[in-house]
């Protein structure tokens, strides 16, 4: 037998070699997937064993508050899909269905489970859509107030001197006025300076600015106090020695170490901002009537409260209470969980 024939018998076929390579690639892919799964499980285990997760599991009140808050936020976010009616669709409104009582009372129908208002709008649908506006205004105003207050607090605490004295005296002056009066003042100035049509178009923006400007002081004073402590530490001194710009030091070194109290204040401030928006809307200086929030619904129902149509006010009021209370309870839990003295 020739040498070539003997080599052909000893070497495996080409198809068998390709199958072996394919199996090796599959095994390698499976090992990578298993490694990724193990990494994900390890990350979940670390989250589960974290101090915040342990504190959350040990607090039944916090768990209930989180569930209620998630239900409220989920209902608001998915209102176009969850609401049985669209209260903004004027063509779908039936004035003959105005003041329908809740479904479980005499004269009610399950077409409108929580009844209707003076324009025939479904109260349940208007609550879902109104909660969207209240949450959007509350979160946006808190983000604006937090950004403004953190920036002022960093500058005031890091630079010090006359800038610190001026900014803190400005904060003291603002603290002498209730936040609702400052928001009313800003909204009134905007109504005077802007034409009526223009103000209606940017009413939500004006409302966010009014609530945000009235709430920046808490963030500024908290961040200033933490910055005064951090700026004298060695890592800040080292950054100065190597020639880093003061703005870079404030953003890259000081800011990450003062965000803990800021997050707690922001969580609690969301509930306060929602209440402020509802108060302004109840007074008629909030969002326009064509885009009713929870405060607007309560104001509309208040006109008919003593004439027997109690559901127009009661249900939006209960929704506002549940939303604000759940957010407040979560803020209180976060404050205690992040406090090292209570661990």
C-alpha atoms as a PDB file:
ATOM      1  CA  UNK A   1       0.000   0.000   0.000  1.00  0.00           C
ATOM      2  CA  UNK A   2       1.307   3.429  -0.830  1.00  0.00           C
ATOM      3  CA  UNK A   3       2.234   6.102   1.723  1.00  0.00           C
ATOM      4  CA  UNK A   4      -0.564   8.372   0.462  1.00  0.00           C
ATOM      5  CA  UNK A   5      -3.198   5.663   1.025  1.00  0.00           C
ATOM      6  CA  UNK A   6      -1.976   5.006   4.570  1.00  0.00           C
ATOM      7  CA  UNK A   7      -2.237   8.766   5.421  1.00  0.00           C
ATOM      8  CA  UNK A   8      -5.733   8.939   3.960  1.00  0.00           C
ATOM      9  CA  UNK A   9      -6.864   6.052   6.164  1.00  0.00           C
ATOM     10  CA  UNK A  10      -5.356   7.600   9.293  1.00  0.00           C
ATOM     11  CA  UNK A  11      -6.688  11.161   8.801  1.00  0.00           C
ATOM     12  CA  UNK A  12     -10.367  11.786   9.785  1.00  0.00           C
ATOM     13  CA  UNK A  13     -12.771  12.880   7.080  1.00  0.00           C
ATOM     14  CA  UNK A  14     -13.208  16.617   6.502  1.00  0.00           C
ATOM     15  CA  UNK A  15     -16.865  16.578   7.579  1.00  0.00           C
ATOM     16  CA  UNK A  16     -15.966  14.936  10.897  1.00  0.00           C
ATOM     17  CA  UNK A  17     -13.368  17.666  11.581  1.00  0.00           C
ATOM     18  CA  UNK A  18     -15.876  20.437  10.874  1.00  0.00           C
ATOM     19  CA  UNK A  19     -18.398  18.801  13.221  1.00  0.00           C
ATOM     20  CA  UNK A  20     -15.803  18.723  15.984  1.00  0.00           C
ATOM     21  CA  UNK A  21     -15.036  22.430  15.464  1.00  0.00           C
ATOM     22  CA  UNK A  22     -18.759  23.241  15.522  1.00  0.00           C
ATOM     23  CA  UNK A  23     -19.202  21.337  18.788  1.00  0.00           C
ATOM     24  CA  UNK A  24     -16.261  23.190  20.294  1.00  0.00           C
ATOM     25  CA  UNK A  25     -17.775  26.542  19.295  1.00  0.00           C
ATOM     26  CA  UNK A  26     -21.135  25.556  20.797  1.00  0.00           C
ATOM     27  CA  UNK A  27     -19.456  24.472  24.023  1.00  0.00           C
ATOM     28  CA  UNK A  28     -17.556  27.753  24.162  1.00  0.00           C
ATOM     29  CA  UNK A  29     -20.764  29.735  23.592  1.00  0.00           C
ATOM     30  CA  UNK A  30     -22.556  27.767  26.302  1.00  0.00           C
ATOM     31  CA  UNK A  31     -19.710  28.393  28.727  1.00  0.00           C
ATOM     32  CA  UNK A  32     -19.876  32.129  28.021  1.00  0.00           C
ATOM     33  CA  UNK A  33     -23.647  32.113  28.570  1.00  0.00           C
ATOM     34  CA  UNK A  34     -23.208  30.224  31.839  1.00  0.00           C
ATOM     35  CA  UNK A  35     -20.541  32.703  32.945  1.00  0.00           C
ATOM     36  CA  UNK A  36     -22.859  35.623  32.111  1.00  0.00           C
ATOM     37  CA  UNK A  37     -25.694  33.936  34.028  1.00  0.00           C
ATOM     38  CA  UNK A  38     -23.442  33.423  37.026  1.00  0.00           C
ATOM     39  CA  UNK A  39     -22.393  37.079  36.881  1.00  0.00           C
ATOM     40  CA  UNK A  40     -26.036  38.178  36.743  1.00  0.00           C
ATOM     41  CA  UNK A  41     -26.945  35.908  39.650  1.00  0.00           C
ATOM     42  CA  UNK A  42     -24.012  37.222  41.660  1.00  0.00           C
ATOM     43  CA  UNK A  43     -25.123  40.804  40.964  1.00  0.00           C
ATOM     44  CA  UNK A  44     -28.692  40.000  42.029  1.00  0.00           C
ATOM     45  CA  UNK A  45     -27.366  38.309  45.168  1.00  0.00           C
ATOM     46  CA  UNK A  46     -25.307  41.394  46.031  1.00  0.00           C
ATOM     47  CA  UNK A  47     -28.354  43.619  45.511  1.00  0.00           C
ATOM     48  CA  UNK A  48     -30.499  41.294  47.636  1.00  0.00           C
ATOM     49  CA  UNK A  49     -27.930  41.346  50.443  1.00  0.00           C
ATOM     50  CA  UNK A  50     -27.414  45.124  50.300  1.00  0.00           C
ATOM     51  CA  UNK A  51     -28.288  47.189  53.352  1.00  0.00           C
ATOM     52  CA  UNK A  52     -31.042  49.063  51.469  1.00  0.00           C
ATOM     53  CA  UNK A  53     -32.650  45.830  50.273  1.00  0.00           C
ATOM     54  CA  UNK A  54     -32.482  44.353  53.776  1.00  0.00           C
ATOM     55  CA  UNK A  55     -34.030  47.491  55.260  1.00  0.00           C
ATOM     56  CA  UNK A  56     -36.744  47.448  52.597  1.00  0.00           C
ATOM     57  CA  UNK A  57     -37.643  43.806  53.269  1.00  0.00           C
ATOM     58  CA  UNK A  58     -37.836  44.448  57.014  1.00  0.00           C
ATOM     59  CA  UNK A  59     -40.379  47.276  56.653  1.00  0.00           C
ATOM     60  CA  UNK A  60     -43.933  46.158  55.769  1.00  0.00           C
ATOM     61  CA  UNK A  61     -45.099  49.784  55.608  1.00  0.00           C
ATOM     62  CA  UNK A  62     -42.429  50.578  53.014  1.00  0.00           C
ATOM     63  CA  UNK A  63     -43.387  47.533  50.934  1.00  0.00           C
ATOM     64  CA  UNK A  64     -47.054  48.569  50.908  1.00  0.00           C
ATOM     65  CA  UNK A  65     -46.076  52.165  50.085  1.00  0.00           C
ATOM     66  CA  UNK A  66     -43.890  50.960  47.206  1.00  0.00           C
ATOM     67  CA  UNK A  67     -46.731  48.837  45.808  1.00  0.00           C
ATOM     68  CA  UNK A  68     -49.194  51.745  46.013  1.00  0.00           C
ATOM     69  CA  UNK A  69     -46.690  54.133  44.443  1.00  0.00           C
ATOM     70  CA  UNK A  70     -45.969  51.693  41.615  1.00  0.00           C
ATOM     71  CA  UNK A  71     -49.698  51.236  40.979  1.00  0.00           C
ATOM     72  CA  UNK A  72     -50.243  55.003  40.862  1.00  0.00           C
ATOM     73  CA  UNK A  73     -47.233  55.632  38.641  1.00  0.00           C
ATOM     74  CA  UNK A  74     -48.054  52.682  36.397  1.00  0.00           C
ATOM     75  CA  UNK A  75     -51.661  53.818  36.019  1.00  0.00           C
ATOM     76  CA  UNK A  76     -50.496  57.312  35.101  1.00  0.00           C
ATOM     77  CA  UNK A  77     -47.823  56.187  32.641  1.00  0.00           C
ATOM     78  CA  UNK A  78     -50.069  53.667  30.897  1.00  0.00           C
ATOM     79  CA  UNK A  79     -53.218  55.775  31.080  1.00  0.00           C
ATOM     80  CA  UNK A  80     -53.846  55.729  27.282  1.00  0.00           C
ATOM     81  CA  UNK A  81     -54.067  51.924  27.438  1.00  0.00           C
ATOM     82  CA  UNK A  82     -55.703  51.484  30.859  1.00  0.00           C
ATOM     83  CA  UNK A  83     -58.304  54.253  30.807  1.00  0.00           C
ATOM     84  CA  UNK A  84     -61.674  53.105  29.415  1.00  0.00           C
ATOM     85  CA  UNK A  85     -62.308  56.572  27.935  1.00  0.00           C
ATOM     86  CA  UNK A  86     -60.229  59.466  26.647  1.00  0.00           C
ATOM     87  CA  UNK A  87     -61.317  62.582  28.577  1.00  0.00           C
ATOM     88  CA  UNK A  88     -59.467  64.814  26.080  1.00  0.00           C
ATOM     89  CA  UNK A  89     -61.496  63.569  23.121  1.00  0.00           C
ATOM     90  CA  UNK A  90     -64.203  66.226  22.951  1.00  0.00           C
ATOM     91  CA  UNK A  91     -66.045  64.380  20.187  1.00  0.00           C
ATOM     92  CA  UNK A  92     -66.555  61.379  22.482  1.00  0.00           C
ATOM     93  CA  UNK A  93     -68.055  63.368  25.371  1.00  0.00           C
ATOM     94  CA  UNK A  94     -71.735  62.882  26.122  1.00  0.00           C
ATOM     95  CA  UNK A  95     -73.248  65.777  28.059  1.00  0.00           C
ATOM     96  CA  UNK A  96     -76.322  63.624  28.688  1.00  0.00           C
ATOM     97  CA  UNK A  97     -74.083  61.368  30.814  1.00  0.00           C
ATOM     98  CA  UNK A  98     -73.024  64.214  33.123  1.00  0.00           C
ATOM     99  CA  UNK A  99     -73.067  63.500  36.866  1.00  0.00           C
ATOM    100  CA  UNK A 100     -73.537  59.765  36.517  1.00  0.00           C
ATOM    101  CA  UNK A 101     -73.004  58.224  39.974  1.00  0.00           C
ATOM    102  CA  UNK A 102     -70.518  55.390  40.638  1.00  0.00           C
ATOM    103  CA  UNK A 103     -71.414  51.995  39.251  1.00  0.00           C
ATOM    104  CA  UNK A 104     -72.330  50.393  42.609  1.00  0.00           C
ATOM    105  CA  UNK A 105     -74.909  53.078  43.482  1.00  0.00           C
ATOM    106  CA  UNK A 106     -78.415  53.584  42.162  1.00  0.00           C
ATOM    107  CA  UNK A 107     -78.395  54.958  38.628  1.00  0.00           C
ATOM    108  CA  UNK A 108     -74.750  54.054  38.029  1.00  0.00           C
ATOM    109  CA  UNK A 109     -73.316  52.008  35.192  1.00  0.00           C
ATOM    110  CA  UNK A 110     -70.096  50.044  34.786  1.00  0.00           C
ATOM    111  CA  UNK A 111     -69.384  52.050  31.651  1.00  0.00           C
ATOM    112  CA  UNK A 112     -68.313  54.755  34.116  1.00  0.00           C
ATOM    113  CA  UNK A 113     -67.116  52.799  37.186  1.00  0.00           C
ATOM    114  CA  UNK A 114     -66.421  55.921  39.310  1.00  0.00           C
ATOM    115  CA  UNK A 115     -69.122  58.096  37.764  1.00  0.00           C
ATOM    116  CA  UNK A 116     -68.808  61.171  35.541  1.00  0.00           C
ATOM    117  CA  UNK A 117     -68.210  64.900  36.062  1.00  0.00           C
ATOM    118  CA  UNK A 118     -70.145  67.944  34.882  1.00  0.00           C
ATOM    119  CA  UNK A 119     -69.019  67.442  31.270  1.00  0.00           C
ATOM    120  CA  UNK A 120     -69.769  63.732  31.105  1.00  0.00           C
ATOM    121  CA  UNK A 121     -66.125  62.690  31.434  1.00  0.00           C
ATOM    122  CA  UNK A 122     -65.356  59.389  33.107  1.00  0.00           C
ATOM    123  CA  UNK A 123     -63.902  60.169  36.558  1.00  0.00           C
ATOM    124  CA  UNK A 124     -61.663  57.083  36.559  1.00  0.00           C
ATOM    125  CA  UNK A 125     -60.156  58.042  33.191  1.00  0.00           C
ATOM    126  CA  UNK A 126     -59.670  61.670  34.220  1.00  0.00           C
ATOM    127  CA  UNK A 127     -57.891  60.517  37.400  1.00  0.00           C
ATOM    128  CA  UNK A 128     -55.435  58.426  35.363  1.00  0.00           C
ATOM    129  CA  UNK A 129     -54.769  61.235  32.900  1.00  0.00           C
ATOM    130  CA  UNK A 130     -54.711  63.854  35.656  1.00  0.00           C
ATOM    131  CA  UNK A 131     -52.154  61.849  37.620  1.00  0.00           C
ATOM    132  CA  UNK A 132     -49.895  61.934  34.554  1.00  0.00           C
ATOM    133  CA  UNK A 133     -49.864  65.728  34.614  1.00  0.00           C
ATOM    134  CA  UNK A 134     -49.405  65.913  38.379  1.00  0.00           C
ATOM    135  CA  UNK A 135     -46.519  63.441  38.324  1.00  0.00           C
ATOM    136  CA  UNK A 136     -44.883  65.083  35.302  1.00  0.00           C
ATOM    137  CA  UNK A 137     -45.041  68.534  36.872  1.00  0.00           C
ATOM    138  CA  UNK A 138     -43.872  67.222  40.244  1.00  0.00           C
ATOM    139  CA  UNK A 139     -40.884  65.282  38.904  1.00  0.00           C
ATOM    140  CA  UNK A 140     -39.844  68.017  36.448  1.00  0.00           C
ATOM    141  CA  UNK A 141     -40.020  70.741  39.089  1.00  0.00           C
ATOM    142  CA  UNK A 142     -37.985  68.620  41.532  1.00  0.00           C
ATOM    143  CA  UNK A 143     -35.321  67.965  38.901  1.00  0.00           C
ATOM    144  CA  UNK A 144     -35.128  71.694  38.136  1.00  0.00           C
ATOM    145  CA  UNK A 145     -35.014  72.669  41.818  1.00  0.00           C
ATOM    146  CA  UNK A 146     -32.400  70.006  42.533  1.00  0.00           C
ATOM    147  CA  UNK A 147     -30.153  71.131  39.656  1.00  0.00           C
ATOM    148  CA  UNK A 148     -30.450  74.782  40.659  1.00  0.00           C
ATOM    149  CA  UNK A 149     -30.008  74.159  44.373  1.00  0.00           C
ATOM    150  CA  UNK A 150     -27.072  71.760  43.987  1.00  0.00           C
ATOM    151  CA  UNK A 151     -25.255  74.198  41.685  1.00  0.00           C
ATOM    152  CA  UNK A 152     -25.778  77.117  44.079  1.00  0.00           C
ATOM    153  CA  UNK A 153     -24.811  75.008  47.101  1.00  0.00           C
ATOM    154  CA  UNK A 154     -21.601  73.795  45.472  1.00  0.00           C
ATOM    155  CA  UNK A 155     -20.544  77.298  44.454  1.00  0.00           C
ATOM    156  CA  UNK A 156     -21.468  78.757  47.822  1.00  0.00           C
ATOM    157  CA  UNK A 157     -19.722  76.083  49.872  1.00  0.00           C
ATOM    158  CA  UNK A 158     -16.595  75.712  47.763  1.00  0.00           C
ATOM    159  CA  UNK A 159     -15.881  79.362  46.947  1.00  0.00           C
ATOM    160  CA  UNK A 160     -17.094  80.871  50.224  1.00  0.00           C
ATOM    161  CA  UNK A 161     -16.528  84.521  51.022  1.00  0.00           C
ATOM    162  CA  UNK A 162     -18.886  87.177  49.705  1.00  0.00           C
ATOM    163  CA  UNK A 163     -20.480  84.817  47.195  1.00  0.00           C
ATOM    164  CA  UNK A 164     -21.397  82.438  50.011  1.00  0.00           C
ATOM    165  CA  UNK A 165     -22.781  85.269  52.152  1.00  0.00           C
ATOM    166  CA  UNK A 166     -24.859  86.694  49.285  1.00  0.00           C
ATOM    167  CA  UNK A 167     -26.335  83.354  48.193  1.00  0.00           C
ATOM    168  CA  UNK A 168     -27.197  82.259  51.725  1.00  0.00           C
ATOM    169  CA  UNK A 169     -28.826  85.602  52.554  1.00  0.00           C
ATOM    170  CA  UNK A 170     -30.873  85.205  49.384  1.00  0.00           C
ATOM    171  CA  UNK A 171     -31.893  81.755  50.575  1.00  0.00           C
ATOM    172  CA  UNK A 172     -32.834  83.140  54.006  1.00  0.00           C
ATOM    173  CA  UNK A 173     -35.027  85.785  52.384  1.00  0.00           C
ATOM    174  CA  UNK A 174     -36.816  83.154  50.311  1.00  0.00           C
ATOM    175  CA  UNK A 175     -37.338  80.946  53.362  1.00  0.00           C
ATOM    176  CA  UNK A 176     -39.234  83.782  55.026  1.00  0.00           C
ATOM    177  CA  UNK A 177     -42.014  83.384  52.434  1.00  0.00           C
ATOM    178  CA  UNK A 178     -44.197  80.286  52.003  1.00  0.00           C
ATOM    179  CA  UNK A 179     -43.403  78.305  48.884  1.00  0.00           C
ATOM    180  CA  UNK A 180     -46.970  78.581  47.612  1.00  0.00           C
ATOM    181  CA  UNK A 181     -46.793  82.396  47.692  1.00  0.00           C
ATOM    182  CA  UNK A 182     -43.545  82.390  45.721  1.00  0.00           C
ATOM    183  CA  UNK A 183     -45.083  80.063  43.143  1.00  0.00           C
ATOM    184  CA  UNK A 184     -48.162  82.296  42.920  1.00  0.00           C
ATOM    185  CA  UNK A 185     -45.930  85.345  42.469  1.00  0.00           C
ATOM    186  CA  UNK A 186     -43.921  83.748  39.656  1.00  0.00           C
ATOM    187  CA  UNK A 187     -47.069  82.518  37.917  1.00  0.00           C
ATOM    188  CA  UNK A 188     -48.668  85.964  38.253  1.00  0.00           C
ATOM    189  CA  UNK A 189     -45.611  87.683  36.764  1.00  0.00           C
ATOM    190  CA  UNK A 190     -45.683  85.240  33.849  1.00  0.00           C
ATOM    191  CA  UNK A 191     -49.367  85.969  33.236  1.00  0.00           C
ATOM    192  CA  UNK A 192     -48.666  89.703  33.152  1.00  0.00           C
ATOM    193  CA  UNK A 193     -45.635  89.491  30.865  1.00  0.00           C
ATOM    194  CA  UNK A 194     -46.970  86.878  28.442  1.00  0.00           C
ATOM    195  CA  UNK A 195     -50.047  87.118  26.213  1.00  0.00           C
ATOM    196  CA  UNK A 196     -52.970  84.942  27.246  1.00  0.00           C
ATOM    197  CA  UNK A 197     -52.593  82.501  24.352  1.00  0.00           C
ATOM    198  CA  UNK A 198     -48.848  82.201  24.866  1.00  0.00           C
ATOM    199  CA  UNK A 199     -49.272  81.579  28.591  1.00  0.00           C
ATOM    200  CA  UNK A 200     -51.806  78.807  27.975  1.00  0.00           C
ATOM    201  CA  UNK A 201     -49.387  77.103  25.594  1.00  0.00           C
ATOM    202  CA  UNK A 202     -46.499  77.111  28.069  1.00  0.00           C
ATOM    203  CA  UNK A 203     -48.565  76.855  31.256  1.00  0.00           C
ATOM    204  CA  UNK A 204     -46.875  73.599  32.277  1.00  0.00           C
ATOM    205  CA  UNK A 205     -43.405  75.114  31.784  1.00  0.00           C
ATOM    206  CA  UNK A 206     -44.340  78.163  33.874  1.00  0.00           C
ATOM    207  CA  UNK A 207     -45.752  75.883  36.559  1.00  0.00           C
ATOM    208  CA  UNK A 208     -42.563  73.783  36.664  1.00  0.00           C
ATOM    209  CA  UNK A 209     -40.400  76.901  36.928  1.00  0.00           C
ATOM    210  CA  UNK A 210     -42.625  78.393  39.640  1.00  0.00           C
ATOM    211  CA  UNK A 211     -42.552  75.263  41.811  1.00  0.00           C
ATOM    212  CA  UNK A 212     -38.859  74.626  41.115  1.00  0.00           C
ATOM    213  CA  UNK A 213     -37.727  78.135  42.011  1.00  0.00           C
ATOM    214  CA  UNK A 214     -39.719  77.972  45.228  1.00  0.00           C
ATOM    215  CA  UNK A 215     -37.939  74.776  46.333  1.00  0.00           C
ATOM    216  CA  UNK A 216     -34.225  75.152  45.537  1.00  0.00           C
ATOM    217  CA  UNK A 217     -33.250  76.456  48.985  1.00  0.00           C
ATOM    218  CA  UNK A 218     -33.329  73.080  50.766  1.00  0.00           C
ATOM    219  CA  UNK A 219     -30.923  71.557  48.261  1.00  0.00           C
ATOM    220  CA  UNK A 220     -28.597  74.572  48.342  1.00  0.00           C
ATOM    221  CA  UNK A 221     -28.292  74.669  52.121  1.00  0.00           C
ATOM    222  CA  UNK A 222     -27.779  70.893  52.392  1.00  0.00           C
ATOM    223  CA  UNK A 223     -25.155  70.767  49.638  1.00  0.00           C
ATOM    224  CA  UNK A 224     -23.390  73.843  51.016  1.00  0.00           C
ATOM    225  CA  UNK A 225     -23.014  72.243  54.443  1.00  0.00           C
ATOM    226  CA  UNK A 226     -21.633  69.023  52.955  1.00  0.00           C
ATOM    227  CA  UNK A 227     -19.311  70.947  50.632  1.00  0.00           C
ATOM    228  CA  UNK A 228     -17.841  72.909  53.544  1.00  0.00           C
ATOM    229  CA  UNK A 229     -16.851  69.581  55.087  1.00  0.00           C
ATOM    230  CA  UNK A 230     -15.575  67.971  51.890  1.00  0.00           C
ATOM    231  CA  UNK A 231     -13.476  70.870  50.608  1.00  0.00           C
ATOM    232  CA  UNK A 232     -11.030  70.575  53.534  1.00  0.00           C
ATOM    233  CA  UNK A 233     -10.369  66.862  53.006  1.00  0.00           C
ATOM    234  CA  UNK A 234      -7.154  65.496  51.573  1.00  0.00           C
ATOM    235  CA  UNK A 235      -8.496  64.335  48.210  1.00  0.00           C
ATOM    236  CA  UNK A 236      -9.746  67.853  47.423  1.00  0.00           C
ATOM    237  CA  UNK A 237      -6.407  69.341  48.518  1.00  0.00           C
ATOM    238  CA  UNK A 238      -4.600  66.841  46.287  1.00  0.00           C
ATOM    239  CA  UNK A 239      -6.758  67.822  43.313  1.00  0.00           C
ATOM    240  CA  UNK A 240      -5.889  71.463  43.931  1.00  0.00           C
ATOM    241  CA  UNK A 241      -2.174  70.682  44.119  1.00  0.00           C
ATOM    242  CA  UNK A 242      -2.124  68.941  40.733  1.00  0.00           C
ATOM    243  CA  UNK A 243      -3.772  72.008  39.208  1.00  0.00           C
ATOM    244  CA  UNK A 244      -7.340  70.851  38.500  1.00  0.00           C
ATOM    245  CA  UNK A 245      -9.857  73.580  37.722  1.00  0.00           C
ATOM    246  CA  UNK A 246     -12.196  74.437  40.630  1.00  0.00           C
ATOM    247  CA  UNK A 247     -15.237  73.570  38.491  1.00  0.00           C
ATOM    248  CA  UNK A 248     -13.747  70.143  37.741  1.00  0.00           C
ATOM    249  CA  UNK A 249     -13.050  69.588  41.439  1.00  0.00           C
ATOM    250  CA  UNK A 250     -16.610  70.511  42.376  1.00  0.00           C
ATOM    251  CA  UNK A 251     -18.194  68.264  39.730  1.00  0.00           C
ATOM    252  CA  UNK A 252     -15.825  65.288  39.736  1.00  0.00           C
ATOM    253  CA  UNK A 253     -14.760  65.120  43.409  1.00  0.00           C
ATOM    254  CA  UNK A 254     -17.136  67.007  45.700  1.00  0.00           C
ATOM    255  CA  UNK A 255     -20.493  66.370  43.997  1.00  0.00           C
ATOM    256  CA  UNK A 256     -20.430  62.528  44.203  1.00  0.00           C
ATOM    257  CA  UNK A 257     -19.868  62.768  47.963  1.00  0.00           C
ATOM    258  CA  UNK A 258     -22.852  65.053  48.661  1.00  0.00           C
ATOM    259  CA  UNK A 259     -25.536  63.301  46.600  1.00  0.00           C
ATOM    260  CA  UNK A 260     -26.844  61.040  49.389  1.00  0.00           C
ATOM    261  CA  UNK A 261     -28.814  63.692  51.312  1.00  0.00           C
ATOM    262  CA  UNK A 262     -29.874  65.266  48.012  1.00  0.00           C
ATOM    263  CA  UNK A 263     -31.605  62.070  46.876  1.00  0.00           C
ATOM    264  CA  UNK A 264     -33.508  61.838  50.156  1.00  0.00           C
ATOM    265  CA  UNK A 265     -34.657  65.460  49.897  1.00  0.00           C
ATOM    266  CA  UNK A 266     -35.668  64.941  46.261  1.00  0.00           C
ATOM    267  CA  UNK A 267     -37.817  61.906  47.117  1.00  0.00           C
ATOM    268  CA  UNK A 268     -39.698  63.798  49.800  1.00  0.00           C
ATOM    269  CA  UNK A 269     -39.845  66.956  47.673  1.00  0.00           C
ATOM    270  CA  UNK A 270     -41.700  65.101  44.896  1.00  0.00           C
ATOM    271  CA  UNK A 271     -44.693  64.701  47.209  1.00  0.00           C
ATOM    272  CA  UNK A 272     -44.479  68.379  48.208  1.00  0.00           C
ATOM    273  CA  UNK A 273     -44.281  69.441  44.559  1.00  0.00           C
ATOM    274  CA  UNK A 274     -47.360  67.368  43.685  1.00  0.00           C
ATOM    275  CA  UNK A 275     -49.266  68.991  46.552  1.00  0.00           C
ATOM    276  CA  UNK A 276     -48.109  72.464  45.438  1.00  0.00           C
ATOM    277  CA  UNK A 277     -49.236  71.783  41.877  1.00  0.00           C
ATOM    278  CA  UNK A 278     -52.593  70.531  43.104  1.00  0.00           C
ATOM    279  CA  UNK A 279     -52.974  73.639  45.284  1.00  0.00           C
ATOM    280  CA  UNK A 280     -52.168  75.977  42.405  1.00  0.00           C
ATOM    281  CA  UNK A 281     -54.543  74.124  40.100  1.00  0.00           C
ATOM    282  CA  UNK A 282     -57.234  74.207  42.784  1.00  0.00           C
ATOM    283  CA  UNK A 283     -56.795  77.985  42.970  1.00  0.00           C
ATOM    284  CA  UNK A 284     -57.137  78.215  39.187  1.00  0.00           C
ATOM    285  CA  UNK A 285     -53.554  79.286  38.401  1.00  0.00           C
ATOM    286  CA  UNK A 286     -52.114  75.892  37.474  1.00  0.00           C
ATOM    287  CA  UNK A 287     -52.585  73.874  34.327  1.00  0.00           C
ATOM    288  CA  UNK A 288     -55.307  74.989  31.899  1.00  0.00           C
ATOM    289  CA  UNK A 289     -58.782  73.415  32.255  1.00  0.00           C
ATOM    290  CA  UNK A 290     -58.319  71.584  28.953  1.00  0.00           C
ATOM    291  CA  UNK A 291     -55.520  69.525  30.578  1.00  0.00           C
ATOM    292  CA  UNK A 292     -56.901  68.836  34.048  1.00  0.00           C
ATOM    293  CA  UNK A 293     -54.623  67.587  36.800  1.00  0.00           C
ATOM    294  CA  UNK A 294     -55.762  66.112  40.108  1.00  0.00           C
ATOM    295  CA  UNK A 295     -55.983  69.594  41.629  1.00  0.00           C
ATOM    296  CA  UNK A 296     -58.173  70.826  38.778  1.00  0.00           C
ATOM    297  CA  UNK A 297     -60.494  67.839  39.180  1.00  0.00           C
ATOM    298  CA  UNK A 298     -60.843  68.533  42.890  1.00  0.00           C
ATOM    299  CA  UNK A 299     -61.625  72.201  42.183  1.00  0.00           C
ATOM    300  CA  UNK A 300     -64.276  71.266  39.614  1.00  0.00           C
ATOM    301  CA  UNK A 301     -65.877  68.769  41.958  1.00  0.00           C
ATOM    302  CA  UNK A 302     -65.818  71.187  44.871  1.00  0.00           C
ATOM    303  CA  UNK A 303     -68.462  73.296  43.129  1.00  0.00           C
ATOM    304  CA  UNK A 304     -70.871  70.340  43.221  1.00  0.00           C
ATOM    305  CA  UNK A 305     -69.850  68.758  46.520  1.00  0.00           C
ATOM    306  CA  UNK A 306     -72.891  69.919  48.491  1.00  0.00           C
ATOM    307  CA  UNK A 307     -75.352  69.273  45.682  1.00  0.00           C
ATOM    308  CA  UNK A 308     -74.957  65.498  45.918  1.00  0.00           C
ATOM    309  CA  UNK A 309     -72.239  64.824  43.297  1.00  0.00           C
ATOM    310  CA  UNK A 310     -69.636  63.912  45.907  1.00  0.00           C
ATOM    311  CA  UNK A 311     -67.722  61.455  43.702  1.00  0.00           C
ATOM    312  CA  UNK A 312     -66.353  64.221  41.448  1.00  0.00           C
ATOM    313  CA  UNK A 313     -64.214  65.482  44.349  1.00  0.00           C
ATOM    314  CA  UNK A 314     -63.786  62.460  46.614  1.00  0.00           C
ATOM    315  CA  UNK A 315     -62.127  60.055  44.173  1.00  0.00           C
ATOM    316  CA  UNK A 316     -59.528  62.514  42.780  1.00  0.00           C
ATOM    317  CA  UNK A 317     -58.829  63.563  46.376  1.00  0.00           C
ATOM    318  CA  UNK A 318     -58.290  59.943  47.441  1.00  0.00           C
ATOM    319  CA  UNK A 319     -55.978  59.370  44.465  1.00  0.00           C
ATOM    320  CA  UNK A 320     -53.942  62.442  45.432  1.00  0.00           C
ATOM    321  CA  UNK A 321     -53.728  61.303  49.070  1.00  0.00           C
ATOM    322  CA  UNK A 322     -52.593  57.791  48.137  1.00  0.00           C
ATOM    323  CA  UNK A 323     -49.962  59.079  45.713  1.00  0.00           C
ATOM    324  CA  UNK A 324     -48.510  61.688  48.072  1.00  0.00           C
ATOM    325  CA  UNK A 325     -48.638  59.449  51.147  1.00  0.00           C
ATOM    326  CA  UNK A 326     -46.889  56.552  49.422  1.00  0.00           C
ATOM    327  CA  UNK A 327     -44.113  58.803  48.081  1.00  0.00           C
ATOM    328  CA  UNK A 328     -43.688  60.406  51.509  1.00  0.00           C
ATOM    329  CA  UNK A 329     -43.395  57.023  53.216  1.00  0.00           C
ATOM    330  CA  UNK A 330     -40.777  55.927  50.687  1.00  0.00           C
ATOM    331  CA  UNK A 331     -38.860  59.134  51.309  1.00  0.00           C
ATOM    332  CA  UNK A 332     -38.951  58.585  55.077  1.00  0.00           C
ATOM    333  CA  UNK A 333     -37.685  55.018  54.632  1.00  0.00           C
ATOM    334  CA  UNK A 334     -34.877  56.156  52.336  1.00  0.00           C
ATOM    335  CA  UNK A 335     -33.841  58.835  54.829  1.00  0.00           C
ATOM    336  CA  UNK A 336     -33.624  56.315  57.674  1.00  0.00           C
ATOM    337  CA  UNK A 337     -31.966  53.638  55.515  1.00  0.00           C
ATOM    338  CA  UNK A 338     -29.195  56.001  54.424  1.00  0.00           C
ATOM    339  CA  UNK A 339     -28.586  57.272  57.956  1.00  0.00           C
ATOM    340  CA  UNK A 340     -25.525  55.393  59.326  1.00  0.00           C
ATOM    341  CA  UNK A 341     -26.509  56.236  62.923  1.00  0.00           C
ATOM    342  CA  UNK A 342     -29.717  54.176  62.587  1.00  0.00           C
ATOM    343  CA  UNK A 343     -28.087  51.042  61.134  1.00  0.00           C
END
